[in-house]
Amino acid sequence: MRFRIILFLLLLACVSHAQWENKVIEQVTSDSIWNDFVRHPFHMDYQGKSFVGYTEQRISDTRAFFKSNDPGGTWSQPFELQPDSNIGFVDDFTMTVNSQNGDVWFAHSGAVAFQGASVWVYRFRGDTVTSWNIDTKYAIWNGKGMDMVSDQEGNIHLVWYTIYWDSVSQEDRKYPIYAVYYNDVWHKQVLGDTNIYLGGDPQPLYLTISPAGRAYISRQYDLRRNDTLGGTNWEMLNWINLLHPYNLVGGFQVDKFDRVHLLESGYDVDFCAPKHYLYYYIRDDSTGAWSDSVILTDGGYPFSMFVDSLGDPHVAWSTWYDCFTDGNVIYTNNKSGQWISSVLIGGDSSAVETFDFLIDAEGRGSGAFVGFSDFINLYTDIYHIYSNPLDVTDPDPELPTQFQVLNGFPNPFNSRVTIEYYLERTGPVKIKIYNLLGQCVKYLYSGRISSPGTYRVFWDGKNDKGDLLASGTYFAELEANYVRSSKKLVLIR
């Protein structure tokens, strides 16, 4: 049955695009059960290893797992998150992967008898699992709206709500909490006043970290950021005027220019209306002005967004019309200054839940989605979709145009690599080293070349802090006169 499902998905996903060239769809789970995603389920570490986190929805409980997959390999056996035996009901799972060392992190809320609800965090480092109970306040619930992110330095950031019943005011009181793990310590702070929302569940919290390390936190109707890693000075930013009375704000990321990229989904009557409009906005940090909305589709939910290292947005959504009547994965991007025509990249034509994805430093897409493997019995499984180019070659070194990275030698290298490049005319030059996640790990050179010719720079395999980087694939990026070219480098320790 698995082979038939994969074959059907491959036949359906027939539209080619640069980010999804020669794409492959493979089934990650096959459990005859309802599988669903944790929040932020798909990740890739600095060596290109993929991770996916998911839950199994059982009658008696919900269990969380993750699997990993080395580039070109097969998916591992599942690692199960095993909460403390004293924890009762467990919910609100979220996941991230340390961008520097590949540690897998989980967080969830859980109830402990006679102690109220708590927030638990787990770190998987090889075969060692470390856990923290970081919020033990007696409460009706802890962890609602939970979100967790790893920044470029490997620090772990987490936000959630604490909710408790105030017998004096006779209403729920809600605290948004922000915590960051760095220098082997959790640093926690309460954001804002209590009673942020009166009655009902609070809106989800959305968290993203800028390349500079500043935390941005969004709720349905506000946006704030702090000034530095773990900083307690929070600035409230101006907010968009939402277009629909029934809306969902998500897909929230910040690029290296501190521009905020935001998606809003609006529907007019009820959640199963045939039209789910998806709007894109961007906020200019220098002026504080939001762009006009851009309608990406009138039939997109659920949706997700990835902003690459150049600050270009990539958006994908499911064509989830009329509640489970259709569900293909559609993709678009704005790398050329305008949104390209949307393309079909995968799906099973029955239902696709959340699709989570990224674009690596080579511009190739990889992600995961939940799809029905047995619609009659309501069994869902996790599927992995990725680009698998048939032939990737470097540009012809005999045909330089304006400029070109000619060579990197030796390649692979162990302790030092020489990067040779050609310039046809003078101008400003920047040379940076990026990892597979598109994160800049080393700034090699910034200056102005006064005459055309061939030049060389050297890299010792260290980052900007002077630390030795791990074995893996890296990219030397040359920017000259505001045009970029790159060369793949392989470091072997």
Protein backbone atom coordinates (compact mmCIF):
# COMPACT_ATOMS: atom_id res chain seq x y z
CA MET A 1 0.00 0.00 0.00
CA ARG A 2 2.85 2.38 0.80
CA PHE A 3 4.30 1.95 -2.70
CA ARG A 4 0.94 2.74 -4.34
CA ILE A 5 0.54 5.88 -2.24
CA ILE A 6 4.03 7.15 -3.05
CA LEU A 7 3.58 6.39 -6.76
CA PHE A 8 0.26 8.25 -6.81
CA LEU A 9 1.76 11.27 -5.06
CA LEU A 10 4.69 11.37 -7.46
CA LEU A 11 2.42 11.23 -10.50
CA LEU A 12 0.29 14.04 -9.13
CA ALA A 13 3.22 16.32 -8.29
CA CYS A 14 4.10 16.93 -11.93
CA VAL A 15 4.90 20.66 -12.09
CA SER A 16 8.61 21.44 -11.96
CA HIS A 17 10.09 24.51 -10.31
CA ALA A 18 13.65 25.48 -9.43
CA GLN A 19 13.11 25.04 -5.67
CA TRP A 20 11.38 21.67 -6.20
CA GLU A 21 13.19 20.29 -9.26
CA ASN A 22 12.86 16.50 -9.73
CA LYS A 23 11.02 16.36 -6.43
CA VAL A 24 10.56 13.17 -4.45
CA ILE A 25 7.76 12.41 -2.00
CA GLU A 26 8.33 9.65 0.53
CA GLN A 27 6.17 8.30 3.33
CA VAL A 28 7.78 8.77 6.75
CA THR A 29 5.20 6.98 8.94
CA SER A 30 2.82 4.06 8.36
CA ASP A 31 1.05 3.44 11.64
CA SER A 32 -2.68 2.94 10.89
CA ILE A 33 -3.44 5.79 13.28
CA TRP A 34 -4.12 9.51 13.23
CA ASN A 35 -0.71 11.20 12.96
CA ASP A 36 -0.42 14.96 13.28
CA PHE A 37 2.35 17.53 13.52
CA VAL A 38 3.83 19.18 16.56
CA ARG A 39 4.26 22.92 16.11
CA HIS A 40 7.22 23.72 13.79
CA PRO A 41 7.64 20.07 12.80
CA PHE A 42 10.29 20.18 10.07
CA HIS A 43 13.94 21.14 10.60
CA MET A 44 17.40 20.72 9.10
CA ASP A 45 20.70 21.01 10.92
CA TYR A 46 24.01 22.50 9.76
CA GLN A 47 25.02 19.19 8.11
CA GLY A 48 21.82 18.87 6.07
CA LYS A 49 20.23 16.25 8.34
CA SER A 50 16.41 16.44 8.34
CA PHE A 51 14.11 16.08 11.36
CA VAL A 52 10.33 15.81 11.60
CA GLY A 53 8.25 15.90 14.80
CA TYR A 54 4.76 14.47 15.04
CA THR A 55 2.13 13.08 17.40
CA GLU A 56 0.04 9.92 17.47
CA GLN A 57 -3.53 10.69 18.50
CA ARG A 58 -4.78 7.76 20.59
CA ILE A 59 -8.04 7.30 22.48
CA SER A 60 -6.28 7.30 25.84
CA ASP A 61 -3.48 9.79 25.22
CA THR A 62 -1.34 11.71 22.72
CA ARG A 63 2.27 10.67 22.17
CA ALA A 64 5.02 12.71 20.54
CA PHE A 65 7.86 11.43 18.36
CA PHE A 66 10.54 12.61 16.00
CA LYS A 67 12.51 10.96 13.20
CA SER A 68 15.74 11.99 11.49
CA ASN A 69 17.20 11.40 8.05
CA ASP A 70 20.78 11.93 6.89
CA PRO A 71 21.14 13.38 3.36
CA GLY A 72 20.47 10.58 0.90
CA GLY A 73 19.69 8.12 3.70
CA THR A 74 16.58 6.54 5.15
CA TRP A 75 14.43 7.73 8.02
CA SER A 76 15.43 6.55 11.49
CA GLN A 77 13.25 4.63 13.87
CA PRO A 78 11.07 7.03 15.88
CA PHE A 79 12.39 8.61 19.08
CA GLU A 80 9.53 8.89 21.57
CA LEU A 81 9.17 11.77 23.99
CA GLN A 82 8.53 10.17 27.39
CA PRO A 83 7.13 12.68 29.89
CA ASP A 84 7.54 12.28 33.63
CA SER A 85 5.24 9.57 34.98
CA ASN A 86 3.58 12.11 37.32
CA ILE A 87 2.36 14.19 34.39
CA GLY A 88 -1.23 13.54 33.45
CA PHE A 89 -2.70 15.11 30.35
CA VAL A 90 -0.02 16.30 27.91
CA ASP A 91 -0.68 18.81 25.12
CA ASP A 92 0.65 21.78 23.11
CA PHE A 93 3.79 20.16 21.70
CA THR A 94 6.35 22.34 19.95
CA MET A 95 9.79 21.46 18.58
CA THR A 96 13.02 22.99 17.32
CA VAL A 97 16.54 21.85 16.41
CA ASN A 98 19.70 23.58 17.63
CA SER A 99 21.17 25.12 14.48
CA GLN A 100 24.74 24.70 15.76
CA ASN A 101 24.94 21.13 17.07
CA GLY A 102 21.78 19.30 15.92
CA ASP A 103 20.26 18.82 19.41
CA VAL A 104 16.50 18.20 19.21
CA TRP A 105 14.32 20.19 21.61
CA PHE A 106 10.69 19.55 22.59
CA ALA A 107 8.37 21.51 24.86
CA HIS A 108 4.84 20.75 26.04
CA SER A 109 2.33 21.57 28.73
CA GLY A 110 1.17 19.00 31.25
CA ALA A 111 -0.98 18.65 34.35
CA VAL A 112 0.44 17.27 37.61
CA ALA A 113 -1.96 16.09 40.29
CA PHE A 114 -2.50 18.68 43.08
CA GLN A 115 0.10 20.97 41.49
CA GLY A 116 -1.76 22.50 38.57
CA ALA A 117 -0.27 22.70 35.08
CA SER A 118 3.40 22.94 34.17
CA VAL A 119 5.64 23.61 31.18
CA TRP A 120 8.24 20.96 30.39
CA VAL A 121 11.24 21.17 28.02
CA TYR A 122 13.36 18.26 26.76
CA ARG A 123 16.72 18.17 24.98
CA PHE A 124 17.75 15.11 22.96
CA ARG A 125 21.53 14.99 22.56
CA GLY A 126 22.42 11.61 21.07
CA ASP A 127 21.15 9.01 23.55
CA THR A 128 21.01 11.51 26.43
CA VAL A 129 17.72 13.26 27.29
CA THR A 130 17.70 16.25 29.67
CA SER A 131 14.44 17.75 30.94
CA TRP A 132 13.40 20.97 32.70
CA ASN A 133 10.14 21.90 34.41
CA ILE A 134 10.48 25.62 33.76
CA ASP A 135 7.06 26.86 34.89
CA THR A 136 5.51 25.25 37.97
CA LYS A 137 3.11 28.05 38.90
CA TYR A 138 -0.20 26.69 40.16
CA ALA A 139 -2.49 27.37 37.22
CA ILE A 140 -5.52 26.18 35.32
CA TRP A 141 -3.24 25.75 32.34
CA ASN A 142 0.31 26.47 31.31
CA GLY A 143 1.61 26.34 27.78
CA LYS A 144 -1.29 27.59 25.68
CA GLY A 145 -0.10 29.19 22.45
CA MET A 146 3.40 27.75 22.96
CA ASP A 147 6.11 28.42 20.37
CA MET A 148 9.84 27.56 20.36
CA VAL A 149 12.73 28.62 18.08
CA SER A 150 16.52 28.13 17.91
CA ASP A 151 18.52 31.19 16.87
CA GLN A 152 21.66 31.20 14.72
CA GLU A 153 23.91 30.89 17.78
CA GLY A 154 22.06 27.81 19.05
CA ASN A 155 20.19 29.56 21.90
CA ILE A 156 16.65 28.23 22.50
CA HIS A 157 13.73 30.67 22.81
CA LEU A 158 10.27 29.76 24.11
CA VAL A 159 6.98 31.61 24.69
CA TRP A 160 3.72 30.44 26.29
CA TYR A 161 0.74 31.55 28.36
CA THR A 162 0.12 30.88 32.02
CA ILE A 163 -3.58 30.95 32.89
CA TYR A 164 -5.16 30.88 36.32
CA TRP A 165 -8.52 31.67 37.88
CA ASP A 166 -8.74 34.92 39.85
CA SER A 167 -11.34 34.42 42.57
CA VAL A 168 -11.55 38.19 43.23
CA SER A 169 -12.31 39.32 39.68
CA GLN A 170 -14.02 36.02 38.83
CA GLU A 171 -12.20 35.70 35.53
CA ASP A 172 -9.23 34.01 33.91
CA ARG A 173 -5.95 35.88 34.21
CA LYS A 174 -3.40 35.25 31.50
CA TYR A 175 0.34 35.90 31.53
CA PRO A 176 2.45 35.63 28.36
CA ILE A 177 5.87 34.25 29.36
CA TYR A 178 9.14 34.45 27.41
CA ALA A 179 12.21 32.33 28.23
CA VAL A 180 15.58 31.85 26.54
CA TYR A 181 18.18 29.17 27.24
CA TYR A 182 21.78 30.34 26.91
CA ASN A 183 24.98 29.78 28.95
CA ASP A 184 23.29 26.59 30.23
CA VAL A 185 20.62 28.55 32.14
CA TRP A 186 16.94 29.34 31.47
CA HIS A 187 16.21 33.09 31.70
CA LYS A 188 12.49 33.76 32.10
CA GLN A 189 10.36 36.91 32.17
CA VAL A 190 6.69 37.87 32.20
CA LEU A 191 5.58 40.03 29.28
CA GLY A 192 3.02 42.76 29.82
CA ASP A 193 0.15 42.94 32.25
CA THR A 194 -2.24 40.23 33.33
CA ASN A 195 -5.72 39.89 31.91
CA ILE A 196 -4.57 40.37 28.34
CA TYR A 197 -7.62 38.49 27.10
CA LEU A 198 -10.85 38.23 29.08
CA GLY A 199 -12.54 34.85 28.85
CA GLY A 200 -11.88 32.02 26.43
CA ASP A 201 -8.53 30.75 25.24
CA PRO A 202 -5.84 33.31 24.36
CA GLN A 203 -4.80 33.67 20.75
CA PRO A 204 -1.66 31.73 19.73
CA LEU A 205 1.72 33.29 20.28
CA TYR A 206 4.13 33.48 17.34
CA LEU A 207 7.87 33.74 17.95
CA THR A 208 10.74 34.40 15.58
CA ILE A 209 14.34 35.48 16.13
CA SER A 210 16.11 37.93 13.85
CA PRO A 211 19.63 37.11 12.58
CA ALA A 212 20.86 39.73 15.08
CA GLY A 213 19.36 37.69 17.95
CA ARG A 214 16.36 39.92 18.81
CA ALA A 215 13.15 38.14 19.78
CA TYR A 216 9.95 39.15 17.97
CA ILE A 217 6.65 38.00 19.48
CA SER A 218 3.27 38.41 17.85
CA ARG A 219 -0.27 37.75 18.97
CA GLN A 220 -3.39 38.36 16.97
CA TYR A 221 -3.38 42.11 17.47
CA ASP A 222 0.10 43.25 18.50
CA LEU A 223 3.79 42.84 17.76
CA ARG A 224 6.75 43.43 20.09
CA ARG A 225 10.51 42.89 20.09
CA ASN A 226 13.31 43.13 22.63
CA ASP A 227 16.64 44.88 22.26
CA THR A 228 19.16 42.05 22.66
CA LEU A 229 19.50 38.38 23.57
CA GLY A 230 17.38 37.83 26.67
CA GLY A 231 16.73 41.57 26.90
CA THR A 232 13.92 42.88 29.09
CA ASN A 233 13.33 46.13 27.18
CA TRP A 234 10.45 45.46 24.80
CA GLU A 235 9.34 47.77 22.02
CA MET A 236 5.77 47.68 20.76
CA LEU A 237 5.72 47.90 16.94
CA ASN A 238 2.88 49.25 14.87
CA TRP A 239 0.44 46.64 13.59
CA ILE A 240 -1.46 46.07 10.35
CA ASN A 241 -5.17 46.68 9.92
CA LEU A 242 -6.53 43.17 9.46
CA LEU A 243 -8.79 42.84 6.46
CA HIS A 244 -11.21 40.16 7.65
CA PRO A 245 -13.31 39.86 10.82
CA TYR A 246 -12.51 36.14 10.91
CA ASN A 247 -8.77 35.93 10.43
CA LEU A 248 -5.73 33.89 11.34
CA VAL A 249 -2.35 35.60 11.66
CA GLY A 250 0.69 33.38 11.21
CA GLY A 251 3.63 32.69 8.94
CA PHE A 252 5.56 35.38 10.79
CA GLN A 253 9.33 35.80 10.18
CA VAL A 254 12.01 38.51 10.33
CA ASP A 255 14.86 38.81 7.83
CA LYS A 256 18.42 40.13 8.17
CA PHE A 257 17.19 43.67 7.43
CA ASP A 258 14.75 43.47 10.40
CA ARG A 259 11.86 43.50 7.96
CA VAL A 260 8.80 41.66 9.26
CA HIS A 261 7.13 39.24 6.82
CA LEU A 262 3.57 38.33 7.74
CA LEU A 263 0.76 36.14 6.39
CA GLU A 264 -2.92 36.67 7.19
CA SER A 265 -5.69 34.26 6.27
CA GLY A 266 -9.26 35.56 6.16
CA TYR A 267 -12.56 33.78 5.71
CA ASP A 268 -15.94 35.46 5.59
CA VAL A 269 -18.65 33.34 7.17
CA ASP A 270 -17.34 30.25 8.88
CA PHE A 271 -14.21 28.13 8.82
CA CYS A 272 -15.54 25.86 6.06
CA ALA A 273 -16.33 28.69 3.65
CA PRO A 274 -15.13 27.95 0.10
CA LYS A 275 -12.81 31.00 0.06
CA HIS A 276 -9.78 31.25 2.33
CA TYR A 277 -7.90 34.35 1.21
CA LEU A 278 -4.18 34.44 1.97
CA TYR A 279 -2.57 37.89 2.29
CA TYR A 280 1.11 38.81 2.50
CA TYR A 281 2.54 41.95 4.16
CA ILE A 282 6.04 43.26 4.82
CA ARG A 283 7.06 45.91 7.35
CA ASP A 284 9.98 48.26 6.57
CA ASP A 285 11.94 48.67 9.81
CA SER A 286 13.48 52.01 8.80
CA THR A 287 10.07 53.68 8.32
CA GLY A 288 7.77 51.40 10.33
CA ALA A 289 5.42 51.29 7.35
CA TRP A 290 3.54 48.16 6.34
CA SER A 291 3.13 47.39 2.65
CA ASP A 292 -0.27 47.06 1.05
CA SER A 293 -1.62 43.54 1.20
CA VAL A 294 -0.86 41.14 -1.64
CA ILE A 295 -3.44 38.42 -2.25
CA LEU A 296 -1.52 35.19 -2.88
CA THR A 297 -4.58 32.94 -3.27
CA ASP A 298 -8.30 32.79 -2.54
CA GLY A 299 -8.06 29.16 -1.43
CA GLY A 300 -5.15 28.62 0.93
CA TYR A 301 -5.29 26.98 4.34
CA PRO A 302 -3.23 25.79 6.18
CA PHE A 303 -0.24 27.89 5.13
CA SER A 304 3.44 28.34 5.98
CA MET A 305 6.31 30.67 5.08
CA PHE A 306 10.10 30.53 4.95
CA VAL A 307 12.34 33.61 4.53
CA ASP A 308 15.74 32.76 3.08
CA SER A 309 19.16 34.24 3.91
CA LEU A 310 18.71 36.98 1.28
CA GLY A 311 15.43 38.14 2.83
CA ASP A 312 13.21 36.67 0.09
CA PRO A 313 9.89 35.09 1.17
CA HIS A 314 8.71 31.63 0.10
CA VAL A 315 5.09 30.64 0.81
CA ALA A 316 3.23 27.33 0.57
CA TRP A 317 -0.35 26.38 1.34
CA SER A 318 -2.84 23.56 1.08
CA THR A 319 -5.86 23.84 -1.20
CA TRP A 320 -8.10 22.77 1.65
CA TYR A 321 -11.54 23.74 0.28
CA ASP A 322 -14.82 23.00 2.08
CA CYS A 323 -13.15 20.99 4.85
CA PHE A 324 -11.26 17.97 3.50
CA THR A 325 -12.59 17.95 -0.09
CA ASP A 326 -9.25 18.77 -1.70
CA GLY A 327 -5.70 19.12 -0.48
CA ASN A 328 -2.71 19.72 -2.71
CA VAL A 329 0.43 21.66 -1.74
CA ILE A 330 0.94 24.91 -3.69
CA TYR A 331 4.12 27.03 -3.66
CA THR A 332 5.21 30.53 -4.68
CA ASN A 333 8.08 32.92 -3.92
CA ASN A 334 9.14 36.53 -4.37
CA LYS A 335 12.82 36.17 -5.24
CA SER A 336 12.65 38.30 -8.38
CA GLY A 337 10.86 41.29 -6.85
CA GLN A 338 7.44 39.96 -7.74
CA TRP A 339 5.45 36.87 -6.80
CA ILE A 340 5.78 34.05 -9.32
CA SER A 341 2.75 32.13 -10.56
CA SER A 342 1.91 29.48 -7.98
CA VAL A 343 2.88 25.88 -8.80
CA LEU A 344 1.72 22.47 -7.59
CA ILE A 345 4.50 20.68 -5.72
CA GLY A 346 2.67 17.75 -4.08
CA GLY A 347 -0.34 16.34 -2.34
CA ASP A 348 -2.79 13.47 -2.45
CA SER A 349 -5.93 15.28 -3.70
CA SER A 350 -7.95 14.28 -0.63
CA ALA A 351 -6.58 16.30 2.28
CA VAL A 352 -3.26 17.79 3.27
CA GLU A 353 -2.85 19.37 6.66
CA THR A 354 -0.01 21.70 7.63
CA PHE A 355 2.98 21.78 5.26
CA ASP A 356 6.22 22.95 6.89
CA PHE A 357 9.28 23.56 4.74
CA LEU A 358 12.57 25.39 4.20
CA ILE A 359 14.83 26.38 1.32
CA ASP A 360 18.48 25.43 1.82
CA ALA A 361 21.56 27.44 0.85
CA GLU A 362 21.56 25.82 -2.60
CA GLY A 363 18.01 27.02 -3.22
CA ARG A 364 16.49 23.53 -2.94
CA GLY A 365 13.21 22.93 -1.12
CA SER A 366 12.58 20.33 1.56
CA GLY A 367 9.58 19.91 3.83
CA ALA A 368 6.92 17.65 5.30
CA PHE A 369 3.14 17.45 5.34
CA VAL A 370 0.34 15.39 6.89
CA GLY A 371 -1.82 13.52 4.38
CA PHE A 372 -4.51 10.88 4.46
CA SER A 373 -3.21 7.35 3.87
CA ASP A 374 -6.64 5.84 4.57
CA PHE A 375 -9.50 8.31 4.29
CA ILE A 376 -12.22 5.81 5.27
CA ASN A 377 -10.58 4.90 8.59
CA LEU A 378 -9.22 8.44 9.10
CA TYR A 379 -5.61 7.32 9.15
CA THR A 380 -3.08 10.03 8.41
CA ASP A 381 0.65 9.78 7.88
CA ILE A 382 3.67 12.05 7.58
CA TYR A 383 5.22 12.60 4.15
CA HIS A 384 8.57 14.15 3.23
CA ILE A 385 8.96 16.10 -0.01
CA TYR A 386 12.30 17.35 -1.30
CA SER A 387 14.12 18.51 -4.41
CA ASN A 388 16.51 15.98 -5.90
CA PRO A 389 18.32 17.61 -8.85
CA LEU A 390 19.66 15.13 -11.38
CA ASP A 391 22.79 17.15 -12.11
CA VAL A 392 24.21 20.12 -10.22
CA THR A 393 27.37 21.59 -11.68
CA ASP A 394 29.41 24.71 -11.07
CA PRO A 395 29.47 27.44 -13.74
CA ASP A 396 32.01 27.02 -16.54
CA PRO A 397 35.20 28.72 -15.32
CA GLU A 398 36.17 29.57 -18.90
CA LEU A 399 33.21 31.89 -19.37
CA PRO A 400 33.34 34.64 -16.72
CA THR A 401 30.90 37.50 -17.24
CA GLN A 402 30.99 40.33 -14.74
CA PHE A 403 32.63 38.21 -12.03
CA GLN A 404 32.78 34.60 -10.92
CA VAL A 405 33.98 32.32 -8.14
CA LEU A 406 36.42 30.23 -10.14
CA ASN A 407 37.60 27.58 -7.72
CA GLY A 408 38.03 26.40 -4.18
CA PHE A 409 41.02 24.16 -3.56
CA PRO A 410 41.61 21.72 -2.09
CA ASN A 411 37.95 20.70 -2.06
CA PRO A 412 37.10 18.79 0.12
CA PHE A 413 39.48 20.42 2.61
CA ASN A 414 40.54 19.82 6.19
CA SER A 415 42.25 22.88 7.66
CA ARG A 416 42.43 25.56 4.96
CA VAL A 417 40.86 26.23 1.58
CA THR A 418 41.86 28.73 -1.09
CA ILE A 419 38.97 30.54 -2.76
CA GLU A 420 39.86 31.99 -6.14
CA TYR A 421 37.62 34.46 -7.99
CA TYR A 422 37.66 36.59 -11.11
CA LEU A 423 36.52 40.22 -11.50
CA GLU A 424 35.91 41.77 -14.89
CA ARG A 425 35.62 45.29 -13.51
CA THR A 426 36.36 47.20 -10.31
CA GLY A 427 33.90 47.72 -7.51
CA PRO A 428 32.90 46.75 -3.94
CA VAL A 429 33.40 43.09 -2.97
CA LYS A 430 32.09 41.03 -0.07
CA ILE A 431 32.92 37.37 0.59
CA LYS A 432 30.98 35.35 3.18
CA ILE A 433 30.74 31.68 4.18
CA TYR A 434 27.27 30.15 4.70
CA ASN A 435 26.19 26.79 6.10
CA LEU A 436 23.46 24.59 4.61
CA LEU A 437 20.77 26.49 6.53
CA GLY A 438 21.76 29.71 4.79
CA GLN A 439 23.28 31.17 7.97
CA CYS A 440 26.38 33.33 7.59
CA VAL A 441 29.11 31.71 9.71
CA LYS A 442 32.15 33.71 8.53
CA TYR A 443 32.65 37.16 7.02
CA LEU A 444 35.87 36.70 5.02
CA TYR A 445 36.31 40.00 3.23
CA SER A 446 34.71 43.39 2.62
CA GLY A 447 36.43 46.03 0.53
CA ARG A 448 36.91 47.49 -2.91
CA ILE A 449 38.89 45.94 -5.77
CA SER A 450 40.73 48.61 -7.75
CA SER A 451 41.60 46.62 -10.89
CA PRO A 452 40.14 43.65 -12.83
CA GLY A 453 41.78 40.25 -12.48
CA THR A 454 41.94 37.02 -10.50
CA TYR A 455 42.14 37.19 -6.70
CA ARG A 456 42.42 34.75 -3.79
CA VAL A 457 41.23 34.60 -0.19
CA PHE A 458 41.78 31.87 2.39
CA TRP A 459 39.44 30.27 4.92
CA ASP A 460 40.57 28.17 7.89
CA GLY A 461 37.24 26.47 8.60
CA LYS A 462 36.44 28.70 11.60
CA ASN A 463 33.45 30.94 12.29
CA ASP A 464 33.53 34.62 13.23
CA LYS A 465 34.15 33.69 16.87
CA GLY A 466 37.24 31.67 15.96
CA ASP A 467 35.57 28.33 16.73
CA LEU A 468 36.28 25.33 14.50
CA LEU A 469 33.20 24.45 12.46
CA ALA A 470 31.99 20.87 12.14
CA SER A 471 32.40 18.75 9.04
CA GLY A 472 29.78 19.46 6.41
CA THR A 473 28.86 21.43 3.30
CA TYR A 474 29.42 25.20 3.19
CA PHE A 475 29.15 27.88 0.51
CA ALA A 476 31.52 30.73 -0.29
CA GLU A 477 29.40 33.62 -1.55
CA LEU A 478 31.00 36.43 -3.54
CA GLU A 479 29.04 39.68 -3.91
CA ALA A 480 30.49 42.19 -6.37
CA ASN A 481 28.66 45.27 -7.60
CA TYR A 482 25.53 43.91 -5.87
CA VAL A 483 25.47 40.65 -7.87
CA ARG A 484 26.17 37.30 -6.18
CA SER A 485 27.89 34.04 -7.12
CA SER A 486 28.77 31.06 -4.92
CA LYS A 487 30.94 27.95 -4.66
CA LYS A 488 30.22 24.78 -2.71
CA LEU A 489 32.94 23.77 -0.21
CA VAL A 490 33.14 20.51 1.74
CA LEU A 491 34.90 20.56 5.12
CA ILE A 492 36.12 17.21 6.49
CA ARG A 493 37.60 17.06 9.98
